[in-house]
PDB file of N, CA and C in Angstrom:
ATOM      1  N   MET A   1       3.058   6.554   1.772  1.00  0.00           N
ATOM      2  CA  MET A   1       4.369   6.642   1.463  1.00  0.00           C
ATOM      3  C   MET A   1       4.095   7.660   0.114  1.00  0.00           C
ATOM      4  N   LYS A   2       4.798   9.059   0.472  1.00  0.00           N
ATOM      5  CA  LYS A   2       4.879  10.087  -0.495  1.00  0.00           C
ATOM      6  C   LYS A   2       5.742   9.471  -1.624  1.00  0.00           C
ATOM      7  N   GLN A   3       5.422   9.896  -2.816  1.00  0.00           N
ATOM      8  CA  GLN A   3       6.206   9.860  -3.804  1.00  0.00           C
ATOM      9  C   GLN A   3       6.390  10.854  -4.689  1.00  0.00           C
ATOM     10  N   LYS A   4       7.289  11.016  -5.567  1.00  0.00           N
ATOM     11  CA  LYS A   4       7.471  12.275  -6.743  1.00  0.00           C
ATOM     12  C   LYS A   4       7.527  11.624  -8.005  1.00  0.00           C
ATOM     13  N   ILE A   5       6.532  11.938  -8.755  1.00  0.00           N
ATOM     14  CA  ILE A   5       6.418  11.552 -10.197  1.00  0.00           C
ATOM     15  C   ILE A   5       6.922  12.593 -11.295  1.00  0.00           C
ATOM     16  N   VAL A   6       7.791  12.143 -12.093  1.00  0.00           N
ATOM     17  CA  VAL A   6       7.945  13.117 -13.101  1.00  0.00           C
ATOM     18  C   VAL A   6       7.666  12.445 -14.612  1.00  0.00           C
ATOM     19  N   ILE A   7       6.992  13.477 -15.324  1.00  0.00           N
ATOM     20  CA  ILE A   7       6.416  12.779 -16.465  1.00  0.00           C
ATOM     21  C   ILE A   7       6.793  13.987 -17.644  1.00  0.00           C
ATOM     22  N   LYS A   8       7.263  13.432 -18.716  1.00  0.00           N
ATOM     23  CA  LYS A   8       7.628  14.521 -19.801  1.00  0.00           C
ATOM     24  C   LYS A   8       6.451  14.331 -20.741  1.00  0.00           C
ATOM     25  N   VAL A   9       5.986  15.717 -21.109  1.00  0.00           N
ATOM     26  CA  VAL A   9       4.642  15.846 -21.987  1.00  0.00           C
ATOM     27  C   VAL A   9       5.118  16.912 -23.016  1.00  0.00           C
ATOM     28  N   THR A  10       4.547  16.693 -24.065  1.00  0.00           N
ATOM     29  CA  THR A  10       4.746  17.530 -25.269  1.00  0.00           C
ATOM     30  C   THR A  10       3.708  18.511 -25.235  1.00  0.00           C
ATOM     31  N   MET A  11       3.968  19.724 -24.774  1.00  0.00           N
ATOM     32  CA  MET A  11       2.845  20.818 -24.618  1.00  0.00           C
ATOM     33  C   MET A  11       3.168  21.880 -25.619  1.00  0.00           C
ATOM     34  N   LYS A  12       2.101  22.271 -26.408  1.00  0.00           N
ATOM     35  CA  LYS A  12       2.391  23.087 -27.447  1.00  0.00           C
ATOM     36  C   LYS A  12       1.991  24.758 -27.181  1.00  0.00           C
ATOM     37  N   GLY A  13       1.649  24.890 -25.953  1.00  0.00           N
ATOM     38  CA  GLY A  13       1.223  26.424 -25.505  1.00  0.00           C
ATOM     39  C   GLY A  13       0.773  26.536 -24.073  1.00  0.00           C
ATOM     40  N   PRO A  14       0.447  27.583 -23.628  1.00  0.00           N
ATOM     41  CA  PRO A  14      -0.077  27.752 -22.396  1.00  0.00           C
ATOM     42  C   PRO A  14      -1.339  27.060 -22.111  1.00  0.00           C
ATOM     43  N   ARG A  15      -2.322  26.872 -23.091  1.00  0.00           N
ATOM     44  CA  ARG A  15      -3.409  26.192 -22.847  1.00  0.00           C
ATOM     45  C   ARG A  15      -3.288  24.709 -22.607  1.00  0.00           C
ATOM     46  N   CYS A  16      -2.262  23.959 -23.389  1.00  0.00           N
ATOM     47  CA  CYS A  16      -1.942  22.606 -23.059  1.00  0.00           C
ATOM     48  C   CYS A  16      -1.236  22.525 -21.728  1.00  0.00           C
ATOM     49  N   ARG A  17      -0.437  23.395 -21.207  1.00  0.00           N
ATOM     50  CA  ARG A  17       0.149  23.395 -19.885  1.00  0.00           C
ATOM     51  C   ARG A  17      -0.688  23.334 -18.898  1.00  0.00           C
ATOM     52  N   SER A  18      -1.877  24.383 -18.840  1.00  0.00           N
ATOM     53  CA  SER A  18      -2.799  24.461 -17.831  1.00  0.00           C
ATOM     54  C   SER A  18      -3.847  23.288 -17.922  1.00  0.00           C
ATOM     55  N   LYS A  19      -4.164  22.539 -18.933  1.00  0.00           N
ATOM     56  CA  LYS A  19      -5.068  21.422 -19.325  1.00  0.00           C
ATOM     57  C   LYS A  19      -4.073  20.361 -18.496  1.00  0.00           C
ATOM     58  N   ALA A  20      -2.821  20.149 -18.613  1.00  0.00           N
ATOM     59  CA  ALA A  20      -2.116  18.881 -18.078  1.00  0.00           C
ATOM     60  C   ALA A  20      -2.079  19.224 -16.505  1.00  0.00           C
ATOM     61  N   LEU A  21      -2.085  20.509 -16.055  1.00  0.00           N
ATOM     62  CA  LEU A  21      -1.905  20.699 -14.691  1.00  0.00           C
ATOM     63  C   LEU A  21      -3.200  20.438 -14.087  1.00  0.00           C
ATOM     64  N   GLN A  22      -4.339  20.765 -14.744  1.00  0.00           N
ATOM     65  CA  GLN A  22      -5.538  20.488 -14.085  1.00  0.00           C
ATOM     66  C   GLN A  22      -5.968  18.845 -14.204  1.00  0.00           C
ATOM     67  N   ILE A  23      -5.330  18.019 -15.251  1.00  0.00           N
ATOM     68  CA  ILE A  23      -5.708  16.724 -15.256  1.00  0.00           C
ATOM     69  C   ILE A  23      -4.811  16.096 -13.996  1.00  0.00           C
ATOM     70  N   ALA A  24      -3.606  16.684 -13.662  1.00  0.00           N
ATOM     71  CA  ALA A  24      -2.773  16.071 -12.672  1.00  0.00           C
ATOM     72  C   ALA A  24      -3.280  16.326 -11.210  1.00  0.00           C
ATOM     73  N   VAL A  25      -3.763  17.628 -11.024  1.00  0.00           N
ATOM     74  CA  VAL A  25      -4.447  17.858  -9.939  1.00  0.00           C
ATOM     75  C   VAL A  25      -5.796  17.157  -9.514  1.00  0.00           C
ATOM     76  N   GLY A  26      -6.542  16.659 -10.586  1.00  0.00           N
ATOM     77  CA  GLY A  26      -7.625  16.065 -10.569  1.00  0.00           C
ATOM     78  C   GLY A  26      -7.681  14.696  -9.792  1.00  0.00           C
ATOM     79  N   LEU A  27      -6.553  14.200 -10.006  1.00  0.00           N
ATOM     80  CA  LEU A  27      -6.374  12.662  -9.247  1.00  0.00           C
ATOM     81  C   LEU A  27      -6.364  12.737  -8.014  1.00  0.00           C
ATOM     82  N   SER A  28      -6.654  11.622  -7.235  1.00  0.00           N
ATOM     83  CA  SER A  28      -6.839  11.495  -5.778  1.00  0.00           C
ATOM     84  C   SER A  28      -5.358  11.368  -5.259  1.00  0.00           C
ATOM     85  N   GLY A  29      -5.096  11.730  -4.253  1.00  0.00           N
ATOM     86  CA  GLY A  29      -3.940  11.694  -3.515  1.00  0.00           C
ATOM     87  C   GLY A  29      -3.009  12.672  -3.936  1.00  0.00           C
ATOM     88  N   VAL A  30      -3.087  13.373  -4.846  1.00  0.00           N
ATOM     89  CA  VAL A  30      -2.157  14.424  -5.335  1.00  0.00           C
ATOM     90  C   VAL A  30      -2.019  15.626  -4.360  1.00  0.00           C
ATOM     91  N   GLU A  31      -0.776  15.995  -3.912  1.00  0.00           N
ATOM     92  CA  GLU A  31      -0.630  17.197  -2.917  1.00  0.00           C
ATOM     93  C   GLU A  31      -0.153  18.263  -3.641  1.00  0.00           C
ATOM     94  N   SER A  32       0.837  18.255  -4.549  1.00  0.00           N
ATOM     95  CA  SER A  32       1.348  19.346  -5.194  1.00  0.00           C
ATOM     96  C   SER A  32       1.786  19.066  -6.701  1.00  0.00           C
ATOM     97  N   VAL A  33       1.600  19.949  -7.696  1.00  0.00           N
ATOM     98  CA  VAL A  33       1.860  19.718  -9.150  1.00  0.00           C
ATOM     99  C   VAL A  33       2.690  20.947  -9.589  1.00  0.00           C
ATOM    100  N   GLY A  34       3.757  20.744 -10.323  1.00  0.00           N
ATOM    101  CA  GLY A  34       4.315  21.886 -10.920  1.00  0.00           C
ATOM    102  C   GLY A  34       5.148  21.543 -12.129  1.00  0.00           C
ATOM    103  N   LEU A  35       5.422  22.709 -12.845  1.00  0.00           N
ATOM    104  CA  LEU A  35       6.236  22.411 -14.150  1.00  0.00           C
ATOM    105  C   LEU A  35       7.867  22.620 -13.881  1.00  0.00           C
ATOM    106  N   VAL A  36       8.521  21.476 -14.477  1.00  0.00           N
ATOM    107  CA  VAL A  36       9.921  21.621 -14.292  1.00  0.00           C
ATOM    108  C   VAL A  36      10.716  21.474 -15.457  1.00  0.00           C
ATOM    109  N   GLY A  37      11.839  21.713 -15.552  1.00  0.00           N
ATOM    110  CA  GLY A  37      12.752  21.483 -16.464  1.00  0.00           C
ATOM    111  C   GLY A  37      13.034  23.098 -17.166  1.00  0.00           C
ATOM    112  N   GLN A  38      14.007  22.935 -18.117  1.00  0.00           N
ATOM    113  CA  GLN A  38      14.231  24.477 -18.829  1.00  0.00           C
ATOM    114  C   GLN A  38      13.148  24.764 -19.491  1.00  0.00           C
ATOM    115  N   ASP A  39      12.789  23.886 -20.445  1.00  0.00           N
ATOM    116  CA  ASP A  39      11.457  24.423 -21.156  1.00  0.00           C
ATOM    117  C   ASP A  39      10.200  24.169 -20.673  1.00  0.00           C
ATOM    118  N   LYS A  40       9.951  23.787 -19.336  1.00  0.00           N
ATOM    119  CA  LYS A  40       8.824  23.372 -18.773  1.00  0.00           C
ATOM    120  C   LYS A  40       8.178  22.427 -19.285  1.00  0.00           C
ATOM    121  N   SER A  41       8.603  21.505 -19.945  1.00  0.00           N
ATOM    122  CA  SER A  41       8.184  20.399 -20.454  1.00  0.00           C
ATOM    123  C   SER A  41       7.917  19.204 -19.806  1.00  0.00           C
ATOM    124  N   HIS A  42       8.335  19.135 -18.267  1.00  0.00           N
ATOM    125  CA  HIS A  42       8.172  18.088 -17.404  1.00  0.00           C
ATOM    126  C   HIS A  42       7.046  18.249 -16.420  1.00  0.00           C
ATOM    127  N   ILE A  43       6.275  17.552 -16.107  1.00  0.00           N
ATOM    128  CA  ILE A  43       5.288  17.778 -14.777  1.00  0.00           C
ATOM    129  C   ILE A  43       5.621  16.922 -13.805  1.00  0.00           C
ATOM    130  N   GLU A  44       5.851  17.664 -12.476  1.00  0.00           N
ATOM    131  CA  GLU A  44       6.199  17.080 -11.155  1.00  0.00           C
ATOM    132  C   GLU A  44       5.228  17.045 -10.322  1.00  0.00           C
ATOM    133  N   VAL A  45       4.744  15.534 -10.147  1.00  0.00           N
ATOM    134  CA  VAL A  45       3.466  15.481  -9.203  1.00  0.00           C
ATOM    135  C   VAL A  45       4.074  14.850  -7.868  1.00  0.00           C
ATOM    136  N   VAL A  46       3.692  15.349  -6.458  1.00  0.00           N
ATOM    137  CA  VAL A  46       3.849  14.866  -5.350  1.00  0.00           C
ATOM    138  C   VAL A  46       2.668  14.402  -4.799  1.00  0.00           C
ATOM    139  N   GLY A  47       2.540  13.196  -4.259  1.00  0.00           N
ATOM    140  CA  GLY A  47       1.335  12.827  -3.657  1.00  0.00           C
ATOM    141  C   GLY A  47       1.552  11.448  -2.862  1.00  0.00           C
ATOM    142  N   ASP A  48       0.649  11.042  -2.215  1.00  0.00           N
ATOM    143  CA  ASP A  48       0.519   9.720  -1.357  1.00  0.00           C
ATOM    144  C   ASP A  48      -0.303   8.717  -2.371  1.00  0.00           C
ATOM    145  N   GLY A  49       0.061   7.788  -2.844  1.00  0.00           N
ATOM    146  CA  GLY A  49      -0.919   6.735  -3.487  1.00  0.00           C
ATOM    147  C   GLY A  49      -1.355   7.214  -4.799  1.00  0.00           C
ATOM    148  N   VAL A  50      -0.629   7.914  -5.623  1.00  0.00           N
ATOM    149  CA  VAL A  50      -1.061   8.490  -6.933  1.00  0.00           C
ATOM    150  C   VAL A  50      -0.484   7.273  -7.827  1.00  0.00           C
ATOM    151  N   ASP A  51      -1.282   6.993  -8.934  1.00  0.00           N
ATOM    152  CA  ASP A  51      -0.831   5.918  -9.652  1.00  0.00           C
ATOM    153  C   ASP A  51      -0.330   6.389 -10.976  1.00  0.00           C
ATOM    154  N   ALA A  52       0.981   6.554 -11.216  1.00  0.00           N
ATOM    155  CA  ALA A  52       1.790   6.830 -12.186  1.00  0.00           C
ATOM    156  C   ALA A  52       1.454   6.594 -13.767  1.00  0.00           C
ATOM    157  N   VAL A  53       1.046   5.477 -13.857  1.00  0.00           N
ATOM    158  CA  VAL A  53       0.544   4.810 -15.090  1.00  0.00           C
ATOM    159  C   VAL A  53      -0.758   5.511 -15.424  1.00  0.00           C
ATOM    160  N   GLU A  54      -1.521   5.474 -14.685  1.00  0.00           N
ATOM    161  CA  GLU A  54      -2.952   5.919 -14.619  1.00  0.00           C
ATOM    162  C   GLU A  54      -2.767   7.569 -15.170  1.00  0.00           C
ATOM    163  N   LEU A  55      -2.011   8.430 -14.572  1.00  0.00           N
ATOM    164  CA  LEU A  55      -1.816   9.697 -14.567  1.00  0.00           C
ATOM    165  C   LEU A  55      -1.088   9.919 -16.129  1.00  0.00           C
ATOM    166  N   THR A  56      -0.114   9.043 -16.616  1.00  0.00           N
ATOM    167  CA  THR A  56       0.536   9.211 -17.878  1.00  0.00           C
ATOM    168  C   THR A  56      -0.500   8.758 -19.034  1.00  0.00           C
ATOM    169  N   ASP A  57      -1.299   7.745 -18.630  1.00  0.00           N
ATOM    170  CA  ASP A  57      -2.395   7.543 -19.738  1.00  0.00           C
ATOM    171  C   ASP A  57      -3.433   8.756 -20.162  1.00  0.00           C
ATOM    172  N   LEU A  58      -3.696   9.410 -18.810  1.00  0.00           N
ATOM    173  CA  LEU A  58      -4.677  10.606 -19.009  1.00  0.00           C
ATOM    174  C   LEU A  58      -4.131  11.585 -19.802  1.00  0.00           C
ATOM    175  N   LEU A  59      -2.878  11.792 -19.430  1.00  0.00           N
ATOM    176  CA  LEU A  59      -2.240  12.829 -20.313  1.00  0.00           C
ATOM    177  C   LEU A  59      -2.144  12.682 -21.710  1.00  0.00           C
ATOM    178  N   ARG A  60      -1.768  11.421 -21.997  1.00  0.00           N
ATOM    179  CA  ARG A  60      -1.552  11.063 -23.369  1.00  0.00           C
ATOM    180  C   ARG A  60      -2.988  11.231 -24.164  1.00  0.00           C
ATOM    181  N   LYS A  61      -3.968  10.823 -23.456  1.00  0.00           N
ATOM    182  CA  LYS A  61      -5.378  11.022 -24.056  1.00  0.00           C
ATOM    183  C   LYS A  61      -5.744  12.461 -24.078  1.00  0.00           C
ATOM    184  N   LYS A  62      -5.409  13.322 -23.361  1.00  0.00           N
ATOM    185  CA  LYS A  62      -5.982  14.500 -23.235  1.00  0.00           C
ATOM    186  C   LYS A  62      -5.059  15.803 -23.780  1.00  0.00           C
ATOM    187  N   VAL A  63      -3.743  15.312 -23.549  1.00  0.00           N
ATOM    188  CA  VAL A  63      -2.736  16.360 -23.943  1.00  0.00           C
ATOM    189  C   VAL A  63      -2.049  16.097 -25.119  1.00  0.00           C
ATOM    190  N   GLY A  64      -1.422  15.149 -25.174  1.00  0.00           N
ATOM    191  CA  GLY A  64      -0.667  14.827 -26.293  1.00  0.00           C
ATOM    192  C   GLY A  64       0.564  13.634 -25.653  1.00  0.00           C
ATOM    193  N   TYR A  65       1.574  13.707 -26.445  1.00  0.00           N
ATOM    194  CA  TYR A  65       2.555  12.620 -26.078  1.00  0.00           C
ATOM    195  C   TYR A  65       2.905  12.942 -24.549  1.00  0.00           C
ATOM    196  N   ALA A  66       2.930  11.916 -23.916  1.00  0.00           N
ATOM    197  CA  ALA A  66       3.563  11.753 -22.531  1.00  0.00           C
ATOM    198  C   ALA A  66       4.276  10.360 -22.264  1.00  0.00           C
ATOM    199  N   GLU A  67       5.291  10.771 -21.426  1.00  0.00           N
ATOM    200  CA  GLU A  67       6.405   9.722 -21.173  1.00  0.00           C
ATOM    201  C   GLU A  67       6.677   9.765 -19.609  1.00  0.00           C
ATOM    202  N   LEU A  68       6.685   8.627 -18.956  1.00  0.00           N
ATOM    203  CA  LEU A  68       7.023   8.496 -17.547  1.00  0.00           C
ATOM    204  C   LEU A  68       8.589   8.703 -17.536  1.00  0.00           C
ATOM    205  N   ALA A  69       8.973   9.705 -16.699  1.00  0.00           N
ATOM    206  CA  ALA A  69      10.341   9.835 -16.583  1.00  0.00           C
ATOM    207  C   ALA A  69      10.979   9.202 -15.455  1.00  0.00           C
ATOM    208  N   SER A  70      10.232   9.636 -14.249  1.00  0.00           N
ATOM    209  CA  SER A  70      10.772   8.905 -13.087  1.00  0.00           C
ATOM    210  C   SER A  70       9.818   8.777 -11.948  1.00  0.00           C
ATOM    211  N   VAL A  71       9.851   7.849 -11.076  1.00  0.00           N
ATOM    212  CA  VAL A  71       9.142   7.778  -9.700  1.00  0.00           C
ATOM    213  C   VAL A  71      10.024   7.535  -8.629  1.00  0.00           C
ATOM    214  N   THR A  72       9.937   8.449  -7.588  1.00  0.00           N
ATOM    215  CA  THR A  72      10.859   8.283  -6.501  1.00  0.00           C
ATOM    216  C   THR A  72      10.184   8.363  -5.240  1.00  0.00           C
ATOM    217  N   VAL A  73      10.384   7.774  -4.139  1.00  0.00           N
ATOM    218  CA  VAL A  73       9.830   7.758  -2.999  1.00  0.00           C
ATOM    219  C   VAL A  73      10.507   9.184  -1.953  1.00  0.00           C
ATOM    220  N   VAL A  74       9.510  10.036  -1.584  1.00  0.00           N
ATOM    221  CA  VAL A  74       9.969  11.327  -1.147  1.00  0.00           C
ATOM    222  C   VAL A  74       9.487  11.185   0.597  1.00  0.00           C
ATOM    223  N   GLY A  75      10.506  11.689   1.333  1.00  0.00           N
ATOM    224  CA  GLY A  75      10.186  12.113   2.614  1.00  0.00           C
ATOM    225  C   GLY A  75      10.568  10.828   3.786  1.00  0.00           C
ATOM    226  N   GLU A  76      10.949   9.713   3.273  1.00  0.00           N
ATOM    227  CA  GLU A  76      11.104   8.406   3.907  1.00  0.00           C
ATOM    228  C   GLU A  76      12.696   8.516   4.606  1.00  0.00           C
ATOM    229  N   LYS A  77      12.803   8.690   5.874  1.00  0.00           N
ATOM    230  CA  LYS A  77      13.915   8.662   6.549  1.00  0.00           C
ATOM    231  C   LYS A  77      14.382   7.336   6.876  1.00  0.00           C
ATOM    232  N   LYS A  78      15.846   7.153   6.898  1.00  0.00           N
ATOM    233  CA  LYS A  78      16.092   5.878   7.424  1.00  0.00           C
ATOM    234  C   LYS A  78      16.022   5.760   9.046  1.00  0.00           C
ATOM    235  N   GLU A  79      15.875   6.937   9.783  1.00  0.00           N
ATOM    236  CA  GLU A  79      15.817   6.655  11.085  1.00  0.00           C
ATOM    237  C   GLU A  79      14.512   6.439  11.612  1.00  0.00           C
ATOM    238  N   ASP A  80      13.513   6.553  10.765  1.00  0.00           N
ATOM    239  CA  ASP A  80      12.033   6.458  10.949  1.00  0.00           C
ATOM    240  C   ASP A  80      11.690   4.991  10.820  1.00  0.00           C
ATOM    241  N   LYS A  81      12.565   4.131  10.311  1.00  0.00           N
ATOM    242  CA  LYS A  81      12.343   2.770  10.008  1.00  0.00           C
ATOM    243  C   LYS A  81      12.621   1.975  11.242  1.00  0.00           C
ATOM    244  N   LYS A  82      11.647   1.077  11.698  1.00  0.00           N
ATOM    245  CA  LYS A  82      11.891   0.412  12.965  1.00  0.00           C
ATOM    246  C   LYS A  82      12.506  -0.825  12.718  1.00  0.00           C
ATOM    247  N   PRO A  83      13.358  -1.230  13.511  1.00  0.00           N
ATOM    248  CA  PRO A  83      13.895  -2.701  13.117  1.00  0.00           C
ATOM    249  C   PRO A  83      12.861  -3.808  13.221  1.00  0.00           C
ATOM    250  N   GLU A  84      12.864  -4.850  12.566  1.00  0.00           N
ATOM    251  CA  GLU A  84      11.923  -5.933  12.456  1.00  0.00           C
ATOM    252  C   GLU A  84      12.146  -6.768  13.781  1.00  0.00           C
ATOM    253  N   SER A  85      11.010  -6.965  14.450  1.00  0.00           N
ATOM    254  CA  SER A  85      11.211  -7.727  15.700  1.00  0.00           C
ATOM    255  C   SER A  85      11.383  -9.241  15.365  1.00  0.00           C
ATOM    256  N   ALA A  86      12.322  -9.905  16.325  1.00  0.00           N
ATOM    257  CA  ALA A  86      12.506 -11.335  15.931  1.00  0.00           C
ATOM    258  C   ALA A  86      11.189 -12.181  16.653  1.00  0.00           C
ATOM    259  N   VAL A  87      10.970 -13.288  15.982  1.00  0.00           N
ATOM    260  CA  VAL A  87      10.049 -13.975  16.270  1.00  0.00           C
ATOM    261  C   VAL A  87      10.086 -14.622  17.747  1.00  0.00           C
ATOM    262  N   GLN A  88       9.144 -14.310  18.319  1.00  0.00           N
ATOM    263  CA  GLN A  88       9.370 -14.954  19.979  1.00  0.00           C
ATOM    264  C   GLN A  88       9.082 -16.447  19.890  1.00  0.00           C
ATOM    265  N   PRO A  89       9.930 -16.958  20.592  1.00  0.00           N
ATOM    266  CA  PRO A  89       9.499 -18.461  20.753  1.00  0.00           C
ATOM    267  C   PRO A  89       8.269 -18.845  21.542  1.00  0.00           C
ATOM    268  N   VAL A  90       7.555 -19.869  21.390  1.00  0.00           N
ATOM    269  CA  VAL A  90       6.340 -20.134  22.303  1.00  0.00           C
ATOM    270  C   VAL A  90       6.757 -21.141  23.201  1.00  0.00           C
ATOM    271  N   PHE A  91       6.434 -20.581  24.563  1.00  0.00           N
ATOM    272  CA  PHE A  91       6.795 -21.689  25.777  1.00  0.00           C
ATOM    273  C   PHE A  91       5.562 -22.286  26.095  1.00  0.00           C
ATOM    274  N   TRP A  92       5.682 -23.840  25.966  1.00  0.00           N
ATOM    275  CA  TRP A  92       4.558 -24.524  26.430  1.00  0.00           C
ATOM    276  C   TRP A  92       4.829 -24.739  27.929  1.00  0.00           C
ATOM    277  N   PRO A  93       3.762 -24.784  28.829  1.00  0.00           N
ATOM    278  CA  PRO A  93       3.995 -24.942  30.224  1.00  0.00           C
ATOM    279  C   PRO A  93       4.156 -26.916  30.393  1.00  0.00           C
ATOM    280  N   MET A  94       5.111 -26.996  31.238  1.00  0.00           N
ATOM    281  CA  MET A  94       5.361 -28.423  31.527  1.00  0.00           C
ATOM    282  C   MET A  94       4.595 -28.886  32.683  1.00  0.00           C
ATOM    283  N   TYR A  95       4.108 -30.155  32.494  1.00  0.00           N
ATOM    284  CA  TYR A  95       3.374 -30.717  33.493  1.00  0.00           C
ATOM    285  C   TYR A  95       4.042 -31.863  33.959  1.00  0.00           C
ATOM    286  N   GLY A  96       4.165 -32.077  35.169  1.00  0.00           N
ATOM    287  CA  GLY A  96       4.833 -33.175  35.902  1.00  0.00           C
ATOM    288  C   GLY A  96       4.537 -34.625  35.609  1.00  0.00           C
ATOM    289  N   GLY A  97       4.511 -35.021  34.212  1.00  0.00           N
ATOM    290  CA  GLY A  97       4.191 -36.326  33.873  1.00  0.00           C
ATOM    291  C   GLY A  97       2.972 -36.860  34.123  1.00  0.00           C
ATOM    292  N   GLY A  98       2.440 -38.038  33.680  1.00  0.00           N
ATOM    293  CA  GLY A  98       1.252 -38.542  34.150  1.00  0.00           C
ATOM    294  C   GLY A  98       0.120 -38.018  33.000  1.00  0.00           C
ATOM    295  N   MET A  99      -1.063 -38.504  33.676  1.00  0.00           N
ATOM    296  CA  MET A  99      -2.257 -38.147  32.865  1.00  0.00           C
ATOM    297  C   MET A  99      -2.612 -36.876  33.206  1.00  0.00           C
ATOM    298  N   PRO A 100      -3.580 -36.477  32.398  1.00  0.00           N
ATOM    299  CA  PRO A 100      -4.068 -34.866  32.525  1.00  0.00           C
ATOM    300  C   PRO A 100      -5.504 -35.206  33.711  1.00  0.00           C
ATOM    301  N   LEU A 101      -5.697 -34.146  34.558  1.00  0.00           N
ATOM    302  CA  LEU A 101      -6.481 -34.204  35.579  1.00  0.00           C
ATOM    303  C   LEU A 101      -8.027 -34.472  35.285  1.00  0.00           C
ATOM    304  N   ALA A 102      -8.538 -34.066  33.953  1.00  0.00           N
ATOM    305  CA  ALA A 102      -9.900 -34.229  33.467  1.00  0.00           C
ATOM    306  C   ALA A 102     -10.310 -35.536  33.045  1.00  0.00           C
ATOM    307  N   ASP A 103     -11.379 -36.021  33.271  1.00  0.00           N
ATOM    308  CA  ASP A 103     -11.901 -37.453  32.420  1.00  0.00           C
ATOM    309  C   ASP A 103     -12.252 -37.029  31.119  1.00  0.00           C
ATOM    310  N   ILE A 104     -11.573 -37.674  30.434  1.00  0.00           N
ATOM    311  CA  ILE A 104     -11.762 -37.619  29.069  1.00  0.00           C
ATOM    312  C   ILE A 104     -12.593 -38.733  28.505  1.00  0.00           C
ATOM    313  N   ARG A 105     -13.000 -39.599  28.912  1.00  0.00           N
ATOM    314  CA  ARG A 105     -13.831 -40.685  28.318  1.00  0.00           C
ATOM    315  C   ARG A 105     -14.877 -40.290  27.681  1.00  0.00           C
ATOM    316  N   PRO A 106     -15.369 -40.950  26.405  1.00  0.00           N
ATOM    317  CA  PRO A 106     -16.375 -40.598  25.747  1.00  0.00           C
ATOM    318  C   PRO A 106     -17.634 -41.261  26.259  1.00  0.00           C
ATOM    319  N   ILE A 107     -18.648 -40.577  26.088  1.00  0.00           N
ATOM    320  CA  ILE A 107     -19.949 -41.137  26.602  1.00  0.00           C
ATOM    321  C   ILE A 107     -20.626 -41.423  25.192  1.00  0.00           C
ATOM    322  N   HIS A 108     -21.184 -42.703  25.494  1.00  0.00           N
ATOM    323  CA  HIS A 108     -21.988 -43.162  24.077  1.00  0.00           C
ATOM    324  C   HIS A 108     -23.300 -42.321  23.919  1.00  0.00           C
ATOM    325  N   PRO A 109     -23.658 -41.997  22.924  1.00  0.00           N
ATOM    326  CA  PRO A 109     -24.913 -41.111  22.737  1.00  0.00           C
ATOM    327  C   PRO A 109     -26.160 -41.794  23.209  1.00  0.00           C
ATOM    328  N   TYR A 110     -26.241 -42.921  23.208  1.00  0.00           N
ATOM    329  CA  TYR A 110     -27.571 -43.669  23.694  1.00  0.00           C
ATOM    330  C   TYR A 110     -27.416 -44.002  25.197  1.00  0.00           C
ATOM    331  N   GLN A 111     -26.245 -43.945  25.763  1.00  0.00           N
ATOM    332  CA  GLN A 111     -26.087 -44.152  27.180  1.00  0.00           C
ATOM    333  C   GLN A 111     -26.491 -42.958  28.102  1.00  0.00           C
ATOM    334  N   ASP A 112     -27.021 -43.235  29.187  1.00  0.00           N
ATOM    335  CA  ASP A 112     -27.466 -42.074  30.105  1.00  0.00           C
ATOM    336  C   ASP A 112     -26.476 -42.030  31.100  1.00  0.00           C
ATOM    337  N   PRO A 113     -25.833 -41.322  31.422  1.00  0.00           N
ATOM    338  CA  PRO A 113     -24.747 -41.438  32.448  1.00  0.00           C
ATOM    339  C   PRO A 113     -25.356 -41.710  33.830  1.00  0.00           C
ATOM    340  N   SER A 114     -26.584 -41.439  33.993  1.00  0.00           N
ATOM    341  CA  SER A 114     -27.213 -41.654  35.233  1.00  0.00           C
ATOM    342  C   SER A 114     -27.943 -43.049  35.489  1.00  0.00           C
ATOM    343  N   CYS A 115     -27.888 -43.713  34.543  1.00  0.00           N
ATOM    344  CA  CYS A 115     -28.315 -45.166  34.607  1.00  0.00           C
ATOM    345  C   CYS A 115     -27.415 -45.927  35.171  1.00  0.00           C
ATOM    346  N   SER A 116     -27.998 -46.655  36.246  1.00  0.00           N
ATOM    347  CA  SER A 116     -27.105 -47.524  37.266  1.00  0.00           C
ATOM    348  C   SER A 116     -27.097 -48.952  36.807  1.00  0.00           C
ATOM    349  N   ILE A 117     -27.755 -49.345  35.943  1.00  0.00           N
ATOM    350  CA  ILE A 117     -27.753 -50.887  35.224  1.00  0.00           C
ATOM    351  C   ILE A 117     -26.638 -51.021  34.502  1.00  0.00           C
ATOM    352  N   MET A 118     -26.148 -49.972  33.648  1.00  0.00           N
ATOM    353  CA  MET A 118     -24.909 -50.460  32.848  1.00  0.00           C
ATOM    354  C   MET A 118     -23.709 -50.171  33.478  1.00  0.00           C
TER     355      MET A 118
END
């Protein structure tokens, strides 16, 4: 499931911007990264299975103050969802009363079934 993550980062110049973009691209599952907002202070990351908290922590350590602004699911259509199938009842075969056909008498471990004395 694709998700769009927007993180507000305090960036002081073009070096900080390029460093923040490199950090975001370095994570696994990232498909696209871009700067958004009027002052280009928000990083928008689109990807599948990207950990938003991990990305925010990395940006805080390497670039500066970072705040997770939003996480939204992208590309999921309501038409694609399949209705959940109802649980099917289990039908047990009916036998016409009486005992089962197999002989289920236990055999004693010391008794040989071929012995005619017992």
